[in-house]
């Protein structure tokens, strides 16, 4: 099994509607190790981030407030199977950016 350091998404602007940030490729697993969210605006903004389709039971962050001019660096270890998605949105359209990094594990 090959382990490849990967930037899965970003930097991408977050919209105020839920958007799939990335989908795990067939025959692979993704290990999310770092999620970086930047709010360069002069006002606080909220982040909602899910593994799978956005719903209360799939959220890692639910309307989590990120202060004006600050960043969120979330170091983690989330394992996603082939075809799983990570989805996100912001309470404020086209202000915050998100970058998702980790490892791709090529199966077989």
PDB file of N, CA and C in Angstrom:
ATOM      1  N   UNK A   1       0.859  -1.173   0.000  1.00  0.00           N
ATOM      2  CA  UNK A   1       0.000   0.000   0.000  1.00  0.00           C
ATOM      3  C   UNK A   1       0.903   1.233   0.000  1.00  0.00           C
ATOM      4  N   UNK A   2       0.757   2.068  -1.004  1.00  0.00           N
ATOM      5  CA  UNK A   2       1.547   3.291  -1.110  1.00  0.00           C
ATOM      6  C   UNK A   2       0.864   4.430  -0.372  1.00  0.00           C
ATOM      7  N   UNK A   3       1.653   5.193   0.364  1.00  0.00           N
ATOM      8  CA  UNK A   3       1.149   6.375   1.086  1.00  0.00           C
ATOM      9  C   UNK A   3       1.737   7.602   0.405  1.00  0.00           C
ATOM     10  N   UNK A   4       0.854   8.506  -0.079  1.00  0.00           N
ATOM     11  CA  UNK A   4       1.283   9.667  -0.837  1.00  0.00           C
ATOM     12  C   UNK A   4       0.765  10.929  -0.159  1.00  0.00           C
ATOM     13  N   UNK A   5       1.670  11.833   0.241  1.00  0.00           N
ATOM     14  CA  UNK A   5       1.254  13.116   0.807  1.00  0.00           C
ATOM     15  C   UNK A   5       0.465  13.876  -0.251  1.00  0.00           C
ATOM     16  N   UNK A   6      -0.708  14.397   0.146  1.00  0.00           N
ATOM     17  CA  UNK A   6      -1.633  14.963  -0.831  1.00  0.00           C
ATOM     18  C   UNK A   6      -2.307  16.220  -0.300  1.00  0.00           C
ATOM     19  N   UNK A   7      -2.446  17.215  -1.175  1.00  0.00           N
ATOM     20  CA  UNK A   7      -3.356  18.322  -0.876  1.00  0.00           C
ATOM     21  C   UNK A   7      -4.673  17.943  -1.541  1.00  0.00           C
ATOM     22  N   UNK A   8      -5.671  17.649  -0.754  1.00  0.00           N
ATOM     23  CA  UNK A   8      -6.957  17.194  -1.283  1.00  0.00           C
ATOM     24  C   UNK A   8      -7.797  18.333  -1.840  1.00  0.00           C
ATOM     25  N   UNK A   9      -7.689  19.511  -1.226  1.00  0.00           N
ATOM     26  CA  UNK A   9      -8.498  20.643  -1.674  1.00  0.00           C
ATOM     27  C   UNK A   9      -7.825  21.942  -1.284  1.00  0.00           C
ATOM     28  N   UNK A  10      -8.022  22.946  -2.129  1.00  0.00           N
ATOM     29  CA  UNK A  10      -7.660  24.294  -1.782  1.00  0.00           C
ATOM     30  C   UNK A  10      -6.298  24.754  -2.228  1.00  0.00           C
ATOM     31  N   UNK A  11      -6.109  26.011  -1.911  1.00  0.00           N
ATOM     32  CA  UNK A  11      -7.049  26.899  -1.233  1.00  0.00           C
ATOM     33  C   UNK A  11      -8.271  27.195  -2.115  1.00  0.00           C
ATOM     34  N   UNK A  12      -9.439  27.091  -1.496  1.00  0.00           N
ATOM     35  CA  UNK A  12     -10.722  27.320  -2.176  1.00  0.00           C
ATOM     36  C   UNK A  12     -11.564  28.295  -1.367  1.00  0.00           C
ATOM     37  N   UNK A  13     -12.286  29.181  -2.049  1.00  0.00           N
ATOM     38  CA  UNK A  13     -13.242  30.045  -1.367  1.00  0.00           C
ATOM     39  C   UNK A  13     -14.446  29.221  -0.928  1.00  0.00           C
ATOM     40  N   UNK A  14     -14.909  29.464   0.280  1.00  0.00           N
ATOM     41  CA  UNK A  14     -16.117  28.804   0.762  1.00  0.00           C
ATOM     42  C   UNK A  14     -17.330  29.660   0.418  1.00  0.00           C
ATOM     43  N   UNK A  15     -18.353  29.019  -0.104  1.00  0.00           N
ATOM     44  CA  UNK A  15     -19.602  29.715  -0.412  1.00  0.00           C
ATOM     45  C   UNK A  15     -20.555  29.560   0.763  1.00  0.00           C
ATOM     46  N   UNK A  16     -21.711  30.224   0.677  1.00  0.00           N
ATOM     47  CA  UNK A  16     -22.698  30.089   1.749  1.00  0.00           C
ATOM     48  C   UNK A  16     -23.675  28.946   1.488  1.00  0.00           C
ATOM     49  N   UNK A  17     -23.366  28.111   0.504  1.00  0.00           N
ATOM     50  CA  UNK A  17     -24.113  26.876   0.259  1.00  0.00           C
ATOM     51  C   UNK A  17     -23.139  25.709   0.340  1.00  0.00           C
ATOM     52  N   UNK A  18     -23.585  24.590   0.845  1.00  0.00           N
ATOM     53  CA  UNK A  18     -22.698  23.446   1.011  1.00  0.00           C
ATOM     54  C   UNK A  18     -22.193  22.939  -0.332  1.00  0.00           C
ATOM     55  N   UNK A  19     -20.865  22.775  -0.426  1.00  0.00           N
ATOM     56  CA  UNK A  19     -20.210  22.313  -1.646  1.00  0.00           C
ATOM     57  C   UNK A  19     -19.255  21.183  -1.274  1.00  0.00           C
ATOM     58  N   UNK A  20     -19.219  20.136  -2.095  1.00  0.00           N
ATOM     59  CA  UNK A  20     -18.250  19.062  -1.911  1.00  0.00           C
ATOM     60  C   UNK A  20     -16.861  19.628  -2.171  1.00  0.00           C
ATOM     61  N   UNK A  21     -15.974  19.507  -1.193  1.00  0.00           N
ATOM     62  CA  UNK A  21     -14.610  20.012  -1.331  1.00  0.00           C
ATOM     63  C   UNK A  21     -13.730  18.998  -2.047  1.00  0.00           C
ATOM     64  N   UNK A  22     -13.960  17.704  -1.792  1.00  0.00           N
ATOM     65  CA  UNK A  22     -13.280  16.652  -2.542  1.00  0.00           C
ATOM     66  C   UNK A  22     -13.979  15.329  -2.301  1.00  0.00           C
ATOM     67  N   UNK A  23     -13.731  14.401  -3.225  1.00  0.00           N
ATOM     68  CA  UNK A  23     -14.249  13.039  -3.149  1.00  0.00           C
ATOM     69  C   UNK A  23     -13.058  12.101  -3.202  1.00  0.00           C
ATOM     70  N   UNK A  24     -13.038  11.115  -2.325  1.00  0.00           N
ATOM     71  CA  UNK A  24     -11.940  10.147  -2.300  1.00  0.00           C
ATOM     72  C   UNK A  24     -12.028   9.281  -3.559  1.00  0.00           C
ATOM     73  N   UNK A  25     -10.904   9.149  -4.240  1.00  0.00           N
ATOM     74  CA  UNK A  25     -10.847   8.390  -5.489  1.00  0.00           C
ATOM     75  C   UNK A  25     -11.073   6.896  -5.252  1.00  0.00           C
ATOM     76  N   UNK A  26     -11.490   6.212  -6.310  1.00  0.00           N
ATOM     77  CA  UNK A  26     -11.683   4.755  -6.250  1.00  0.00           C
ATOM     78  C   UNK A  26     -10.361   4.083  -5.906  1.00  0.00           C
ATOM     79  N   UNK A  27     -10.440   2.979  -5.202  1.00  0.00           N
ATOM     80  CA  UNK A  27      -9.274   2.160  -4.823  1.00  0.00           C
ATOM     81  C   UNK A  27      -8.277   2.899  -3.945  1.00  0.00           C
ATOM     82  N   UNK A  28      -8.748   3.928  -3.224  1.00  0.00           N
ATOM     83  CA  UNK A  28      -7.877   4.637  -2.283  1.00  0.00           C
ATOM     84  C   UNK A  28      -8.618   4.910  -0.986  1.00  0.00           C
ATOM     85  N   UNK A  29      -7.854   5.251   0.032  1.00  0.00           N
ATOM     86  CA  UNK A  29      -8.382   5.819   1.267  1.00  0.00           C
ATOM     87  C   UNK A  29      -7.687   7.149   1.445  1.00  0.00           C
ATOM     88  N   UNK A  30      -8.345   8.079   2.101  1.00  0.00           N
ATOM     89  CA  UNK A  30      -7.749   9.378   2.398  1.00  0.00           C
ATOM     90  C   UNK A  30      -7.628   9.513   3.905  1.00  0.00           C
ATOM     91  N   UNK A  31      -6.482   9.971   4.354  1.00  0.00           N
ATOM     92  CA  UNK A  31      -6.281  10.282   5.766  1.00  0.00           C
ATOM     93  C   UNK A  31      -6.114  11.797   5.846  1.00  0.00           C
ATOM     94  N   UNK A  32      -7.116  12.462   6.401  1.00  0.00           N
ATOM     95  CA  UNK A  32      -7.070  13.914   6.562  1.00  0.00           C
ATOM     96  C   UNK A  32      -6.249  14.196   7.813  1.00  0.00           C
ATOM     97  N   UNK A  33      -5.194  15.000   7.654  1.00  0.00           N
ATOM     98  CA  UNK A  33      -4.304  15.310   8.771  1.00  0.00           C
ATOM     99  C   UNK A  33      -4.320  16.782   9.170  1.00  0.00           C
ATOM    100  N   UNK A  34      -4.726  17.651   8.248  1.00  0.00           N
ATOM    101  CA  UNK A  34      -4.702  19.081   8.549  1.00  0.00           C
ATOM    102  C   UNK A  34      -5.761  19.808   7.726  1.00  0.00           C
ATOM    103  N   UNK A  35      -6.542  20.629   8.399  1.00  0.00           N
ATOM    104  CA  UNK A  35      -7.529  21.485   7.746  1.00  0.00           C
ATOM    105  C   UNK A  35      -7.204  22.923   8.148  1.00  0.00           C
ATOM    106  N   UNK A  36      -6.960  23.766   7.157  1.00  0.00           N
ATOM    107  CA  UNK A  36      -6.606  25.169   7.390  1.00  0.00           C
ATOM    108  C   UNK A  36      -7.720  26.030   6.810  1.00  0.00           C
ATOM    109  N   UNK A  37      -8.291  26.901   7.641  1.00  0.00           N
ATOM    110  CA  UNK A  37      -9.332  27.823   7.186  1.00  0.00           C
ATOM    111  C   UNK A  37      -8.899  29.230   7.569  1.00  0.00           C
ATOM    112  N   UNK A  38      -8.934  30.140   6.602  1.00  0.00           N
ATOM    113  CA  UNK A  38      -8.513  31.524   6.810  1.00  0.00           C
ATOM    114  C   UNK A  38      -9.692  32.458   6.637  1.00  0.00           C
ATOM    115  N   UNK A  39      -9.834  33.382   7.567  1.00  0.00           N
ATOM    116  CA  UNK A  39     -10.845  34.432   7.452  1.00  0.00           C
ATOM    117  C   UNK A  39     -10.125  35.778   7.380  1.00  0.00           C
ATOM    118  N   UNK A  40      -9.864  36.303   6.179  1.00  0.00           N
ATOM    119  CA  UNK A  40      -9.146  37.566   6.049  1.00  0.00           C
ATOM    120  C   UNK A  40     -10.034  38.805   6.206  1.00  0.00           C
ATOM    121  N   UNK A  41     -11.318  38.603   6.417  1.00  0.00           N
ATOM    122  CA  UNK A  41     -12.251  39.728   6.460  1.00  0.00           C
ATOM    123  C   UNK A  41     -12.173  40.466   7.806  1.00  0.00           C
ATOM    124  N   UNK A  42     -12.890  41.544   7.886  1.00  0.00           N
ATOM    125  CA  UNK A  42     -12.949  42.339   9.105  1.00  0.00           C
ATOM    126  C   UNK A  42     -14.044  41.918  10.057  1.00  0.00           C
ATOM    127  N   UNK A  43     -14.739  40.815   9.753  1.00  0.00           N
ATOM    128  CA  UNK A  43     -15.827  40.323  10.601  1.00  0.00           C
ATOM    129  C   UNK A  43     -15.688  38.824  10.819  1.00  0.00           C
ATOM    130  N   UNK A  44     -16.200  38.354  11.930  1.00  0.00           N
ATOM    131  CA  UNK A  44     -16.222  36.905  12.179  1.00  0.00           C
ATOM    132  C   UNK A  44     -17.110  36.225  11.140  1.00  0.00           C
ATOM    133  N   UNK A  45     -16.779  34.980  10.821  1.00  0.00           N
ATOM    134  CA  UNK A  45     -17.575  34.182   9.883  1.00  0.00           C
ATOM    135  C   UNK A  45     -17.645  32.764  10.426  1.00  0.00           C
ATOM    136  N   UNK A  46     -18.664  32.031  10.015  1.00  0.00           N
ATOM    137  CA  UNK A  46     -18.836  30.671  10.533  1.00  0.00           C
ATOM    138  C   UNK A  46     -18.460  29.625   9.497  1.00  0.00           C
ATOM    139  N   UNK A  47     -17.982  28.493  10.003  1.00  0.00           N
ATOM    140  CA  UNK A  47     -17.593  27.341   9.189  1.00  0.00           C
ATOM    141  C   UNK A  47     -18.452  26.154   9.566  1.00  0.00           C
ATOM    142  N   UNK A  48     -18.977  25.472   8.558  1.00  0.00           N
ATOM    143  CA  UNK A  48     -19.637  24.183   8.752  1.00  0.00           C
ATOM    144  C   UNK A  48     -18.916  23.192   7.845  1.00  0.00           C
ATOM    145  N   UNK A  49     -18.444  22.089   8.436  1.00  0.00           N
ATOM    146  CA  UNK A  49     -17.628  21.109   7.719  1.00  0.00           C
ATOM    147  C   UNK A  49     -18.115  19.717   8.066  1.00  0.00           C
ATOM    148  N   UNK A  50     -18.319  18.882   7.039  1.00  0.00           N
ATOM    149  CA  UNK A  50     -18.877  17.547   7.235  1.00  0.00           C
ATOM    150  C   UNK A  50     -18.071  16.496   6.496  1.00  0.00           C
ATOM    151  N   UNK A  51     -18.088  15.289   7.032  1.00  0.00           N
ATOM    152  CA  UNK A  51     -17.649  14.118   6.282  1.00  0.00           C
ATOM    153  C   UNK A  51     -18.929  13.447   5.815  1.00  0.00           C
ATOM    154  N   UNK A  52     -19.112  13.386   4.508  1.00  0.00           N
ATOM    155  CA  UNK A  52     -20.365  12.892   3.951  1.00  0.00           C
ATOM    156  C   UNK A  52     -21.287  14.058   3.668  1.00  0.00           C
ATOM    157  N   UNK A  53     -22.477  13.753   3.204  1.00  0.00           N
ATOM    158  CA  UNK A  53     -23.461  14.792   2.918  1.00  0.00           C
ATOM    159  C   UNK A  53     -23.728  15.596   4.181  1.00  0.00           C
ATOM    160  N   UNK A  54     -23.874  16.910   4.042  1.00  0.00           N
ATOM    161  CA  UNK A  54     -24.045  17.768   5.209  1.00  0.00           C
ATOM    162  C   UNK A  54     -25.335  17.448   5.942  1.00  0.00           C
ATOM    163  N   UNK A  55     -25.186  17.124   7.212  1.00  0.00           N
ATOM    164  CA  UNK A  55     -26.316  16.861   8.108  1.00  0.00           C
ATOM    165  C   UNK A  55     -25.788  16.984   9.533  1.00  0.00           C
ATOM    166  N   UNK A  56     -26.664  17.187  10.470  1.00  0.00           N
ATOM    167  CA  UNK A  56     -26.244  17.370  11.860  1.00  0.00           C
ATOM    168  C   UNK A  56     -25.346  16.231  12.348  1.00  0.00           C
ATOM    169  N   UNK A  57     -25.617  15.013  11.922  1.00  0.00           N
ATOM    170  CA  UNK A  57     -24.859  13.855  12.385  1.00  0.00           C
ATOM    171  C   UNK A  57     -23.531  13.625  11.689  1.00  0.00           C
ATOM    172  N   UNK A  58     -23.200  14.411  10.652  1.00  0.00           N
ATOM    173  CA  UNK A  58     -21.943  14.217   9.920  1.00  0.00           C
ATOM    174  C   UNK A  58     -20.979  15.382  10.079  1.00  0.00           C
ATOM    175  N   UNK A  59     -21.354  16.371  10.856  1.00  0.00           N
ATOM    176  CA  UNK A  59     -20.556  17.594  10.959  1.00  0.00           C
ATOM    177  C   UNK A  59     -19.387  17.463  11.934  1.00  0.00           C
ATOM    178  N   UNK A  60     -18.223  17.927  11.471  1.00  0.00           N
ATOM    179  CA  UNK A  60     -17.057  18.075  12.338  1.00  0.00           C
ATOM    180  C   UNK A  60     -17.086  19.447  13.003  1.00  0.00           C
ATOM    181  N   UNK A  61     -17.531  20.453  12.244  1.00  0.00           N
ATOM    182  CA  UNK A  61     -17.726  21.811  12.748  1.00  0.00           C
ATOM    183  C   UNK A  61     -19.115  22.249  12.329  1.00  0.00           C
ATOM    184  N   UNK A  62     -19.871  22.799  13.261  1.00  0.00           N
ATOM    185  CA  UNK A  62     -21.240  23.226  12.983  1.00  0.00           C
ATOM    186  C   UNK A  62     -21.372  24.705  13.308  1.00  0.00           C
ATOM    187  N   UNK A  63     -21.340  25.545  12.288  1.00  0.00           N
ATOM    188  CA  UNK A  63     -21.415  27.001  12.447  1.00  0.00           C
ATOM    189  C   UNK A  63     -20.357  27.487  13.441  1.00  0.00           C
ATOM    190  N   UNK A  64     -19.138  26.971  13.290  1.00  0.00           N
ATOM    191  CA  UNK A  64     -18.020  27.321  14.160  1.00  0.00           C
ATOM    192  C   UNK A  64     -17.501  28.702  13.771  1.00  0.00           C
ATOM    193  N   UNK A  65     -17.464  29.608  14.730  1.00  0.00           N
ATOM    194  CA  UNK A  65     -17.069  30.982  14.443  1.00  0.00           C
ATOM    195  C   UNK A  65     -15.550  31.122  14.363  1.00  0.00           C
ATOM    196  N   UNK A  66     -15.100  31.744  13.287  1.00  0.00           N
ATOM    197  CA  UNK A  66     -13.682  32.051  13.092  1.00  0.00           C
ATOM    198  C   UNK A  66     -13.578  33.568  13.056  1.00  0.00           C
ATOM    199  N   UNK A  67     -12.824  34.115  13.979  1.00  0.00           N
ATOM    200  CA  UNK A  67     -12.727  35.562  14.162  1.00  0.00           C
ATOM    201  C   UNK A  67     -12.156  36.296  12.962  1.00  0.00           C
ATOM    202  N   UNK A  68     -12.413  37.587  12.940  1.00  0.00           N
ATOM    203  CA  UNK A  68     -11.912  38.457  11.877  1.00  0.00           C
ATOM    204  C   UNK A  68     -10.394  38.404  11.832  1.00  0.00           C
ATOM    205  N   UNK A  69      -9.848  38.228  10.626  1.00  0.00           N
ATOM    206  CA  UNK A  69      -8.409  38.251  10.437  1.00  0.00           C
ATOM    207  C   UNK A  69      -7.657  37.100  11.096  1.00  0.00           C
ATOM    208  N   UNK A  70      -8.345  35.989  11.358  1.00  0.00           N
ATOM    209  CA  UNK A  70      -7.685  34.859  12.015  1.00  0.00           C
ATOM    210  C   UNK A  70      -7.788  33.597  11.157  1.00  0.00           C
ATOM    211  N   UNK A  71      -7.115  32.552  11.635  1.00  0.00           N
ATOM    212  CA  UNK A  71      -7.152  31.263  10.956  1.00  0.00           C
ATOM    213  C   UNK A  71      -7.516  30.172  11.942  1.00  0.00           C
ATOM    214  N   UNK A  72      -7.997  29.080  11.396  1.00  0.00           N
ATOM    215  CA  UNK A  72      -8.216  27.845  12.143  1.00  0.00           C
ATOM    216  C   UNK A  72      -7.269  26.821  11.545  1.00  0.00           C
ATOM    217  N   UNK A  73      -6.393  26.255  12.369  1.00  0.00           N
ATOM    218  CA  UNK A  73      -5.545  25.144  11.955  1.00  0.00           C
ATOM    219  C   UNK A  73      -5.956  23.942  12.778  1.00  0.00           C
ATOM    220  N   UNK A  74      -6.639  23.009  12.130  1.00  0.00           N
ATOM    221  CA  UNK A  74      -7.172  21.813  12.791  1.00  0.00           C
ATOM    222  C   UNK A  74      -6.313  20.618  12.374  1.00  0.00           C
ATOM    223  N   UNK A  75      -5.477  20.151  13.309  1.00  0.00           N
ATOM    224  CA  UNK A  75      -4.653  18.972  13.061  1.00  0.00           C
ATOM    225  C   UNK A  75      -5.452  17.769  13.532  1.00  0.00           C
ATOM    226  N   UNK A  76      -5.592  16.761  12.671  1.00  0.00           N
ATOM    227  CA  UNK A  76      -6.551  15.693  12.922  1.00  0.00           C
ATOM    228  C   UNK A  76      -6.088  14.390  12.295  1.00  0.00           C
ATOM    229  N   UNK A  77      -6.919  13.367  12.418  1.00  0.00           N
ATOM    230  CA  UNK A  77      -6.663  12.079  11.783  1.00  0.00           C
ATOM    231  C   UNK A  77      -8.019  11.462  11.446  1.00  0.00           C
ATOM    232  N   UNK A  78      -8.564  11.832  10.294  1.00  0.00           N
ATOM    233  CA  UNK A  78      -9.840  11.297   9.823  1.00  0.00           C
ATOM    234  C   UNK A  78      -9.572  10.407   8.623  1.00  0.00           C
ATOM    235  N   UNK A  79     -10.044   9.172   8.681  1.00  0.00           N
ATOM    236  CA  UNK A  79      -9.855   8.225   7.580  1.00  0.00           C
ATOM    237  C   UNK A  79     -11.152   8.154   6.784  1.00  0.00           C
ATOM    238  N   UNK A  80     -11.053   8.409   5.470  1.00  0.00           N
ATOM    239  CA  UNK A  80     -12.205   8.361   4.580  1.00  0.00           C
ATOM    240  C   UNK A  80     -11.995   7.263   3.560  1.00  0.00           C
ATOM    241  N   UNK A  81     -13.036   6.506   3.301  1.00  0.00           N
ATOM    242  CA  UNK A  81     -12.988   5.411   2.330  1.00  0.00           C
ATOM    243  C   UNK A  81     -13.255   5.940   0.922  1.00  0.00           C
ATOM    244  N   UNK A  82     -12.974   5.098  -0.063  1.00  0.00           N
ATOM    245  CA  UNK A  82     -13.236   5.453  -1.456  1.00  0.00           C
ATOM    246  C   UNK A  82     -14.677   5.925  -1.617  1.00  0.00           C
ATOM    247  N   UNK A  83     -14.856   6.984  -2.378  1.00  0.00           N
ATOM    248  CA  UNK A  83     -16.141   7.605  -2.708  1.00  0.00           C
ATOM    249  C   UNK A  83     -16.721   8.476  -1.589  1.00  0.00           C
ATOM    250  N   UNK A  84     -16.119   8.503  -0.399  1.00  0.00           N
ATOM    251  CA  UNK A  84     -16.601   9.413   0.644  1.00  0.00           C
ATOM    252  C   UNK A  84     -16.224  10.842   0.274  1.00  0.00           C
ATOM    253  N   UNK A  85     -17.008  11.787   0.782  1.00  0.00           N
ATOM    254  CA  UNK A  85     -16.768  13.195   0.469  1.00  0.00           C
ATOM    255  C   UNK A  85     -16.526  14.004   1.736  1.00  0.00           C
ATOM    256  N   UNK A  86     -15.930  15.157   1.545  1.00  0.00           N
ATOM    257  CA  UNK A  86     -15.857  16.171   2.590  1.00  0.00           C
ATOM    258  C   UNK A  86     -16.525  17.401   2.013  1.00  0.00           C
ATOM    259  N   UNK A  87     -17.487  17.964   2.756  1.00  0.00           N
ATOM    260  CA  UNK A  87     -18.271  19.101   2.289  1.00  0.00           C
ATOM    261  C   UNK A  87     -18.169  20.234   3.295  1.00  0.00           C
ATOM    262  N   UNK A  88     -18.263  21.474   2.803  1.00  0.00           N
ATOM    263  CA  UNK A  88     -18.142  22.632   3.687  1.00  0.00           C
ATOM    264  C   UNK A  88     -18.929  23.810   3.142  1.00  0.00           C
ATOM    265  N   UNK A  89     -19.243  24.727   4.055  1.00  0.00           N
ATOM    266  CA  UNK A  89     -19.780  26.025   3.672  1.00  0.00           C
ATOM    267  C   UNK A  89     -19.514  27.035   4.781  1.00  0.00           C
ATOM    268  N   UNK A  90     -19.657  28.300   4.429  1.00  0.00           N
ATOM    269  CA  UNK A  90     -19.449  29.398   5.363  1.00  0.00           C
ATOM    270  C   UNK A  90     -20.760  30.153   5.522  1.00  0.00           C
ATOM    271  N   UNK A  91     -20.906  30.818   6.648  1.00  0.00           N
ATOM    272  CA  UNK A  91     -22.079  31.661   6.840  1.00  0.00           C
ATOM    273  C   UNK A  91     -22.011  32.930   6.013  1.00  0.00           C
ATOM    274  N   UNK A  92     -20.817  33.255   5.496  1.00  0.00           N
ATOM    275  CA  UNK A  92     -20.609  34.439   4.675  1.00  0.00           C
ATOM    276  C   UNK A  92     -20.029  34.000   3.338  1.00  0.00           C
ATOM    277  N   UNK A  93     -20.645  34.398   2.263  1.00  0.00           N
ATOM    278  CA  UNK A  93     -20.258  33.945   0.925  1.00  0.00           C
ATOM    279  C   UNK A  93     -18.908  34.510   0.472  1.00  0.00           C
ATOM    280  N   UNK A  94     -18.050  33.630  -0.067  1.00  0.00           N
ATOM    281  CA  UNK A  94     -16.790  34.002  -0.726  1.00  0.00           C
ATOM    282  C   UNK A  94     -15.859  34.891   0.107  1.00  0.00           C
ATOM    283  N   UNK A  95     -15.713  34.562   1.380  1.00  0.00           N
ATOM    284  CA  UNK A  95     -14.788  35.285   2.255  1.00  0.00           C
ATOM    285  C   UNK A  95     -13.667  34.356   2.716  1.00  0.00           C
ATOM    286  N   UNK A  96     -14.011  33.241   3.313  1.00  0.00           N
ATOM    287  CA  UNK A  96     -13.011  32.345   3.892  1.00  0.00           C
ATOM    288  C   UNK A  96     -12.483  31.371   2.847  1.00  0.00           C
ATOM    289  N   UNK A  97     -11.228  30.950   3.049  1.00  0.00           N
ATOM    290  CA  UNK A  97     -10.632  29.920   2.203  1.00  0.00           C
ATOM    291  C   UNK A  97     -10.325  28.689   3.045  1.00  0.00           C
ATOM    292  N   UNK A  98     -10.362  27.529   2.395  1.00  0.00           N
ATOM    293  CA  UNK A  98     -10.091  26.268   3.061  1.00  0.00           C
ATOM    294  C   UNK A  98      -9.031  25.497   2.268  1.00  0.00           C
ATOM    295  N   UNK A  99      -8.128  24.841   2.994  1.00  0.00           N
ATOM    296  CA  UNK A  99      -7.145  23.944   2.412  1.00  0.00           C
ATOM    297  C   UNK A  99      -7.158  22.667   3.251  1.00  0.00           C
ATOM    298  N   UNK A 100      -7.206  21.516   2.581  1.00  0.00           N
ATOM    299  CA  UNK A 100      -7.279  20.210   3.260  1.00  0.00           C
ATOM    300  C   UNK A 100      -6.119  19.351   2.780  1.00  0.00           C
ATOM    301  N   UNK A 101      -5.301  18.880   3.731  1.00  0.00           N
ATOM    302  CA  UNK A 101      -4.113  18.078   3.419  1.00  0.00           C
ATOM    303  C   UNK A 101      -4.144  16.755   4.164  1.00  0.00           C
ATOM    304  N   UNK A 102      -3.395  15.801   3.638  1.00  0.00           N
ATOM    305  CA  UNK A 102      -3.274  14.513   4.303  1.00  0.00           C
ATOM    306  C   UNK A 102      -2.518  13.523   3.452  1.00  0.00           C
ATOM    307  N   UNK A 103      -2.889  12.263   3.573  1.00  0.00           N
ATOM    308  CA  UNK A 103      -2.245  11.186   2.829  1.00  0.00           C
ATOM    309  C   UNK A 103      -3.272  10.410   2.028  1.00  0.00           C
ATOM    310  N   UNK A 104      -2.909  10.057   0.800  1.00  0.00           N
ATOM    311  CA  UNK A 104      -3.692   9.110  -0.001  1.00  0.00           C
ATOM    312  C   UNK A 104      -3.060   7.739   0.187  1.00  0.00           C
ATOM    313  N   UNK A 105      -3.889   6.762   0.448  1.00  0.00           N
ATOM    314  CA  UNK A 105      -3.432   5.382   0.577  1.00  0.00           C
ATOM    315  C   UNK A 105      -3.969   4.612  -0.600  1.00  0.00           C
ATOM    316  N   UNK A 106      -3.088   4.212  -1.497  1.00  0.00           N
ATOM    317  CA  UNK A 106      -3.481   3.485  -2.691  1.00  0.00           C
ATOM    318  C   UNK A 106      -3.586   2.008  -2.319  1.00  0.00           C
ATOM    319  N   UNK A 107      -4.778   1.441  -2.495  1.00  0.00           N
ATOM    320  CA  UNK A 107      -5.044   0.054  -2.093  1.00  0.00           C
ATOM    321  C   UNK A 107      -4.706  -0.899  -3.225  1.00  0.00           C
ATOM    322  N   UNK A 108      -4.281  -2.088  -2.849  1.00  0.00           N
ATOM    323  CA  UNK A 108      -4.069  -3.139  -3.834  1.00  0.00           C
ATOM    324  C   UNK A 108      -2.715  -3.277  -4.387  1.00  0.00           C
TER     325      UNK A 108
END
